[in-house]
Amino acid sequence: MALLVGVMPASGRDGDFASRVFAASASPQIKTLWLNTELKNELVSRFDYQLSLLRLRYWQADQRSAWILEEVGKEQPITFGIVIESDKIVSVEVLVYRESRGDEIQYPFFTDQFIQAYLEERGDRYRLSQNIDGITGATLSVRAMKKVAKVALFLHQREVSTSVNES
């Protein structure tokens, strides 16, 4: 189980990510998700994903949200940017890759596999709706990306889809 030790605040390079993924006409709001014990436990039990943060910032405009999450590949954290719209992945980017090998996960031939993926519930676990082909020599980096994609979809459904449907 990997431990996320921190995510950069919603500014600087993260703000650059947000401005790239939202259309010029859409001005996203910076939102804060407070990570209570119940949510942290749910992320661990469903995704084996652990956050040591008190809050997580994300961007939202209508049904589109952008998340910056980290997961350890083999030894180092990898920072991902995930964009979701209407409960499906629009894009996945590697924002910072710190591992010595497996950086092929950064390229469109790999990240494009995630486009239009959504969560499928299997008992108390979730899986992506489409198969993601691995890359020889990058198995742990691929697993990390798949994990954060599922977590981002789950958080989007919990925070964005629920709030839009209640409006």
Protein backbone atom coordinates (compact mmCIF):
# COMPACT_ATOMS: atom_id res chain seq x y z
CA MET A 1 0.00 0.00 0.00
CA ALA A 2 1.43 3.36 -1.01
CA LEU A 3 1.20 6.44 1.16
CA LEU A 4 0.52 9.80 -0.41
CA VAL A 5 2.53 12.32 1.53
CA GLY A 6 1.32 15.47 -0.13
CA VAL A 7 -0.08 17.16 -3.18
CA MET A 8 0.92 20.62 -4.30
CA PRO A 9 -1.58 23.40 -3.55
CA ALA A 10 -3.90 24.58 -6.30
CA SER A 11 -1.49 27.12 -7.74
CA GLY A 12 1.69 27.32 -9.81
CA ARG A 13 2.12 24.32 -12.09
CA ASP A 14 -1.20 22.92 -10.87
CA GLY A 15 -2.95 26.11 -11.92
CA ASP A 16 -1.33 25.70 -15.34
CA PHE A 17 -2.83 22.21 -15.53
CA ALA A 18 -6.28 23.54 -14.63
CA SER A 19 -6.13 26.34 -17.18
CA ARG A 20 -5.16 23.85 -19.91
CA VAL A 21 -8.01 21.43 -19.23
CA PHE A 22 -10.88 23.88 -18.99
CA ALA A 23 -12.17 25.77 -22.01
CA ALA A 24 -11.52 29.49 -22.03
CA SER A 25 -15.24 30.14 -21.50
CA ALA A 26 -15.42 27.90 -18.44
CA SER A 27 -13.92 29.38 -15.33
CA PRO A 28 -13.51 26.52 -12.91
CA GLN A 29 -13.99 26.94 -9.21
CA ILE A 30 -11.29 25.70 -6.89
CA LYS A 31 -13.05 23.35 -4.51
CA THR A 32 -11.88 21.71 -1.32
CA LEU A 33 -12.69 18.15 -0.34
CA TRP A 34 -12.19 17.61 3.38
CA LEU A 35 -10.81 14.15 3.96
CA ASN A 36 -12.54 12.79 7.02
CA THR A 37 -11.73 9.40 8.54
CA GLU A 38 -14.71 7.73 6.87
CA LEU A 39 -13.67 8.84 3.37
CA LYS A 40 -10.01 7.94 3.98
CA ASN A 41 -11.04 4.47 5.16
CA GLU A 42 -13.29 4.03 2.14
CA LEU A 43 -10.44 4.93 -0.23
CA VAL A 44 -8.19 2.40 1.49
CA SER A 45 -10.77 -0.40 1.49
CA ARG A 46 -12.01 0.12 -2.08
CA PHE A 47 -8.82 1.19 -3.85
CA ASP A 48 -5.91 0.49 -1.48
CA TYR A 49 -5.25 4.25 -1.74
CA GLN A 50 -4.09 6.15 1.30
CA LEU A 51 -4.13 9.92 1.76
CA SER A 52 -2.37 11.57 4.67
CA LEU A 53 -3.84 14.98 3.86
CA LEU A 54 -6.56 16.89 5.66
CA ARG A 55 -7.99 18.26 2.43
CA LEU A 56 -7.70 17.81 -1.30
CA ARG A 57 -8.19 20.64 -3.76
CA TYR A 58 -9.73 20.13 -7.17
CA TRP A 59 -11.26 22.22 -9.92
CA GLN A 60 -14.85 22.08 -11.13
CA ALA A 61 -16.94 23.72 -13.84
CA ASP A 62 -20.37 22.15 -14.33
CA GLN A 63 -19.91 18.38 -14.88
CA ARG A 64 -16.13 18.65 -15.48
CA SER A 65 -13.59 18.24 -12.71
CA ALA A 66 -9.81 18.11 -12.59
CA TRP A 67 -7.85 16.26 -9.92
CA ILE A 68 -4.17 16.11 -9.09
CA LEU A 69 -3.26 12.93 -7.27
CA GLU A 70 -0.05 11.10 -6.50
CA GLU A 71 0.79 7.44 -6.18
CA VAL A 72 4.09 5.69 -5.71
CA GLY A 73 5.21 3.68 -8.74
CA LYS A 74 8.10 1.46 -7.73
CA GLU A 75 9.92 3.78 -5.33
CA GLN A 76 8.94 7.39 -6.06
CA PRO A 77 5.63 9.27 -6.20
CA ILE A 78 4.20 10.01 -9.63
CA THR A 79 1.98 13.08 -9.93
CA PHE A 80 -1.05 12.68 -12.20
CA GLY A 81 -3.63 15.11 -13.53
CA ILE A 82 -7.00 13.50 -14.26
CA VAL A 83 -9.90 15.27 -15.97
CA ILE A 84 -13.40 13.84 -15.71
CA GLU A 85 -16.61 14.95 -17.34
CA SER A 86 -20.01 13.34 -16.85
CA ASP A 87 -18.45 10.44 -14.91
CA LYS A 88 -15.97 9.53 -17.69
CA ILE A 89 -12.28 10.27 -18.05
CA VAL A 90 -11.51 12.99 -20.56
CA SER A 91 -7.74 12.93 -20.08
CA VAL A 92 -4.95 11.62 -17.88
CA GLU A 93 -1.57 13.33 -17.76
CA VAL A 94 1.64 12.57 -15.94
CA LEU A 95 2.57 15.92 -14.43
CA VAL A 96 5.75 14.79 -12.64
CA TYR A 97 7.50 11.48 -13.20
CA ARG A 98 10.24 10.71 -10.67
CA GLU A 99 11.01 7.03 -11.33
CA SER A 100 14.14 5.92 -13.18
CA ARG A 101 12.22 3.74 -15.66
CA GLY A 102 8.71 3.23 -16.97
CA ASP A 103 8.22 6.80 -18.16
CA GLU A 104 6.44 5.50 -21.27
CA ILE A 105 3.20 5.93 -19.32
CA GLN A 106 3.47 9.65 -20.10
CA TYR A 107 2.88 9.26 -23.81
CA PRO A 108 -0.47 9.49 -25.61
CA PHE A 109 -0.23 5.92 -26.95
CA PHE A 110 -0.69 4.85 -23.33
CA THR A 111 -2.78 7.62 -21.72
CA ASP A 112 -5.33 7.60 -24.56
CA GLN A 113 -6.48 4.17 -23.36
CA PHE A 114 -8.13 5.87 -20.37
CA ILE A 115 -10.32 8.22 -22.41
CA GLN A 116 -14.03 7.53 -21.87
CA ALA A 117 -13.32 5.01 -19.08
CA TYR A 118 -15.75 4.98 -16.19
CA LEU A 119 -16.09 3.06 -12.95
CA GLU A 120 -17.76 -0.32 -12.79
CA GLU A 121 -18.69 -1.55 -9.34
CA ARG A 122 -17.78 -5.13 -8.43
CA GLY A 123 -18.98 -5.85 -4.93
CA ASP A 124 -17.09 -3.51 -2.63
CA ARG A 125 -14.38 -2.85 -5.25
CA TYR A 126 -14.32 -0.84 -8.45
CA ARG A 127 -12.66 -1.40 -11.80
CA LEU A 128 -12.25 0.64 -14.95
CA SER A 129 -14.80 -0.02 -17.68
CA GLN A 130 -12.16 -0.76 -20.30
CA ASN A 131 -9.02 -2.83 -20.41
CA ILE A 132 -5.76 -0.92 -20.07
CA ASP A 133 -2.83 -2.64 -21.77
CA GLY A 134 0.34 -2.62 -19.68
CA ILE A 135 3.87 -1.70 -20.69
CA THR A 136 6.74 -4.12 -20.17
CA GLY A 137 9.09 -2.67 -17.57
CA ALA A 138 6.51 -0.17 -16.31
CA THR A 139 4.13 -2.49 -14.47
CA LEU A 140 4.13 -0.55 -11.19
CA SER A 141 3.75 2.81 -12.94
CA VAL A 142 0.82 1.43 -14.94
CA ARG A 143 -0.80 0.16 -11.73
CA ALA A 144 -0.29 3.56 -10.12
CA MET A 145 -2.01 5.34 -13.02
CA LYS A 146 -4.92 2.89 -13.04
CA LYS A 147 -5.35 3.35 -9.30
CA VAL A 148 -5.44 7.16 -9.38
CA ALA A 149 -7.80 7.07 -12.36
CA LYS A 150 -10.25 4.97 -10.33
CA VAL A 151 -9.85 7.20 -7.27
CA ALA A 152 -10.45 10.36 -9.32
CA LEU A 153 -13.58 8.83 -10.91
CA PHE A 154 -14.85 7.82 -7.48
CA LEU A 155 -14.23 11.27 -5.99
CA HIS A 156 -15.82 12.94 -9.01
CA GLN A 157 -18.96 10.82 -8.63
CA ARG A 158 -19.07 11.50 -4.91
CA GLU A 159 -18.44 15.25 -5.07
CA VAL A 160 -19.34 16.55 -8.52
CA SER A 161 -22.08 14.29 -9.86
CA THR A 162 -23.90 14.29 -6.53
CA SER A 163 -23.76 18.08 -6.13
CA VAL A 164 -24.85 18.74 -9.74
CA ASN A 165 -27.74 16.28 -9.46
CA GLU A 166 -28.90 17.92 -6.22
CA SER A 167 -29.03 21.36 -7.87
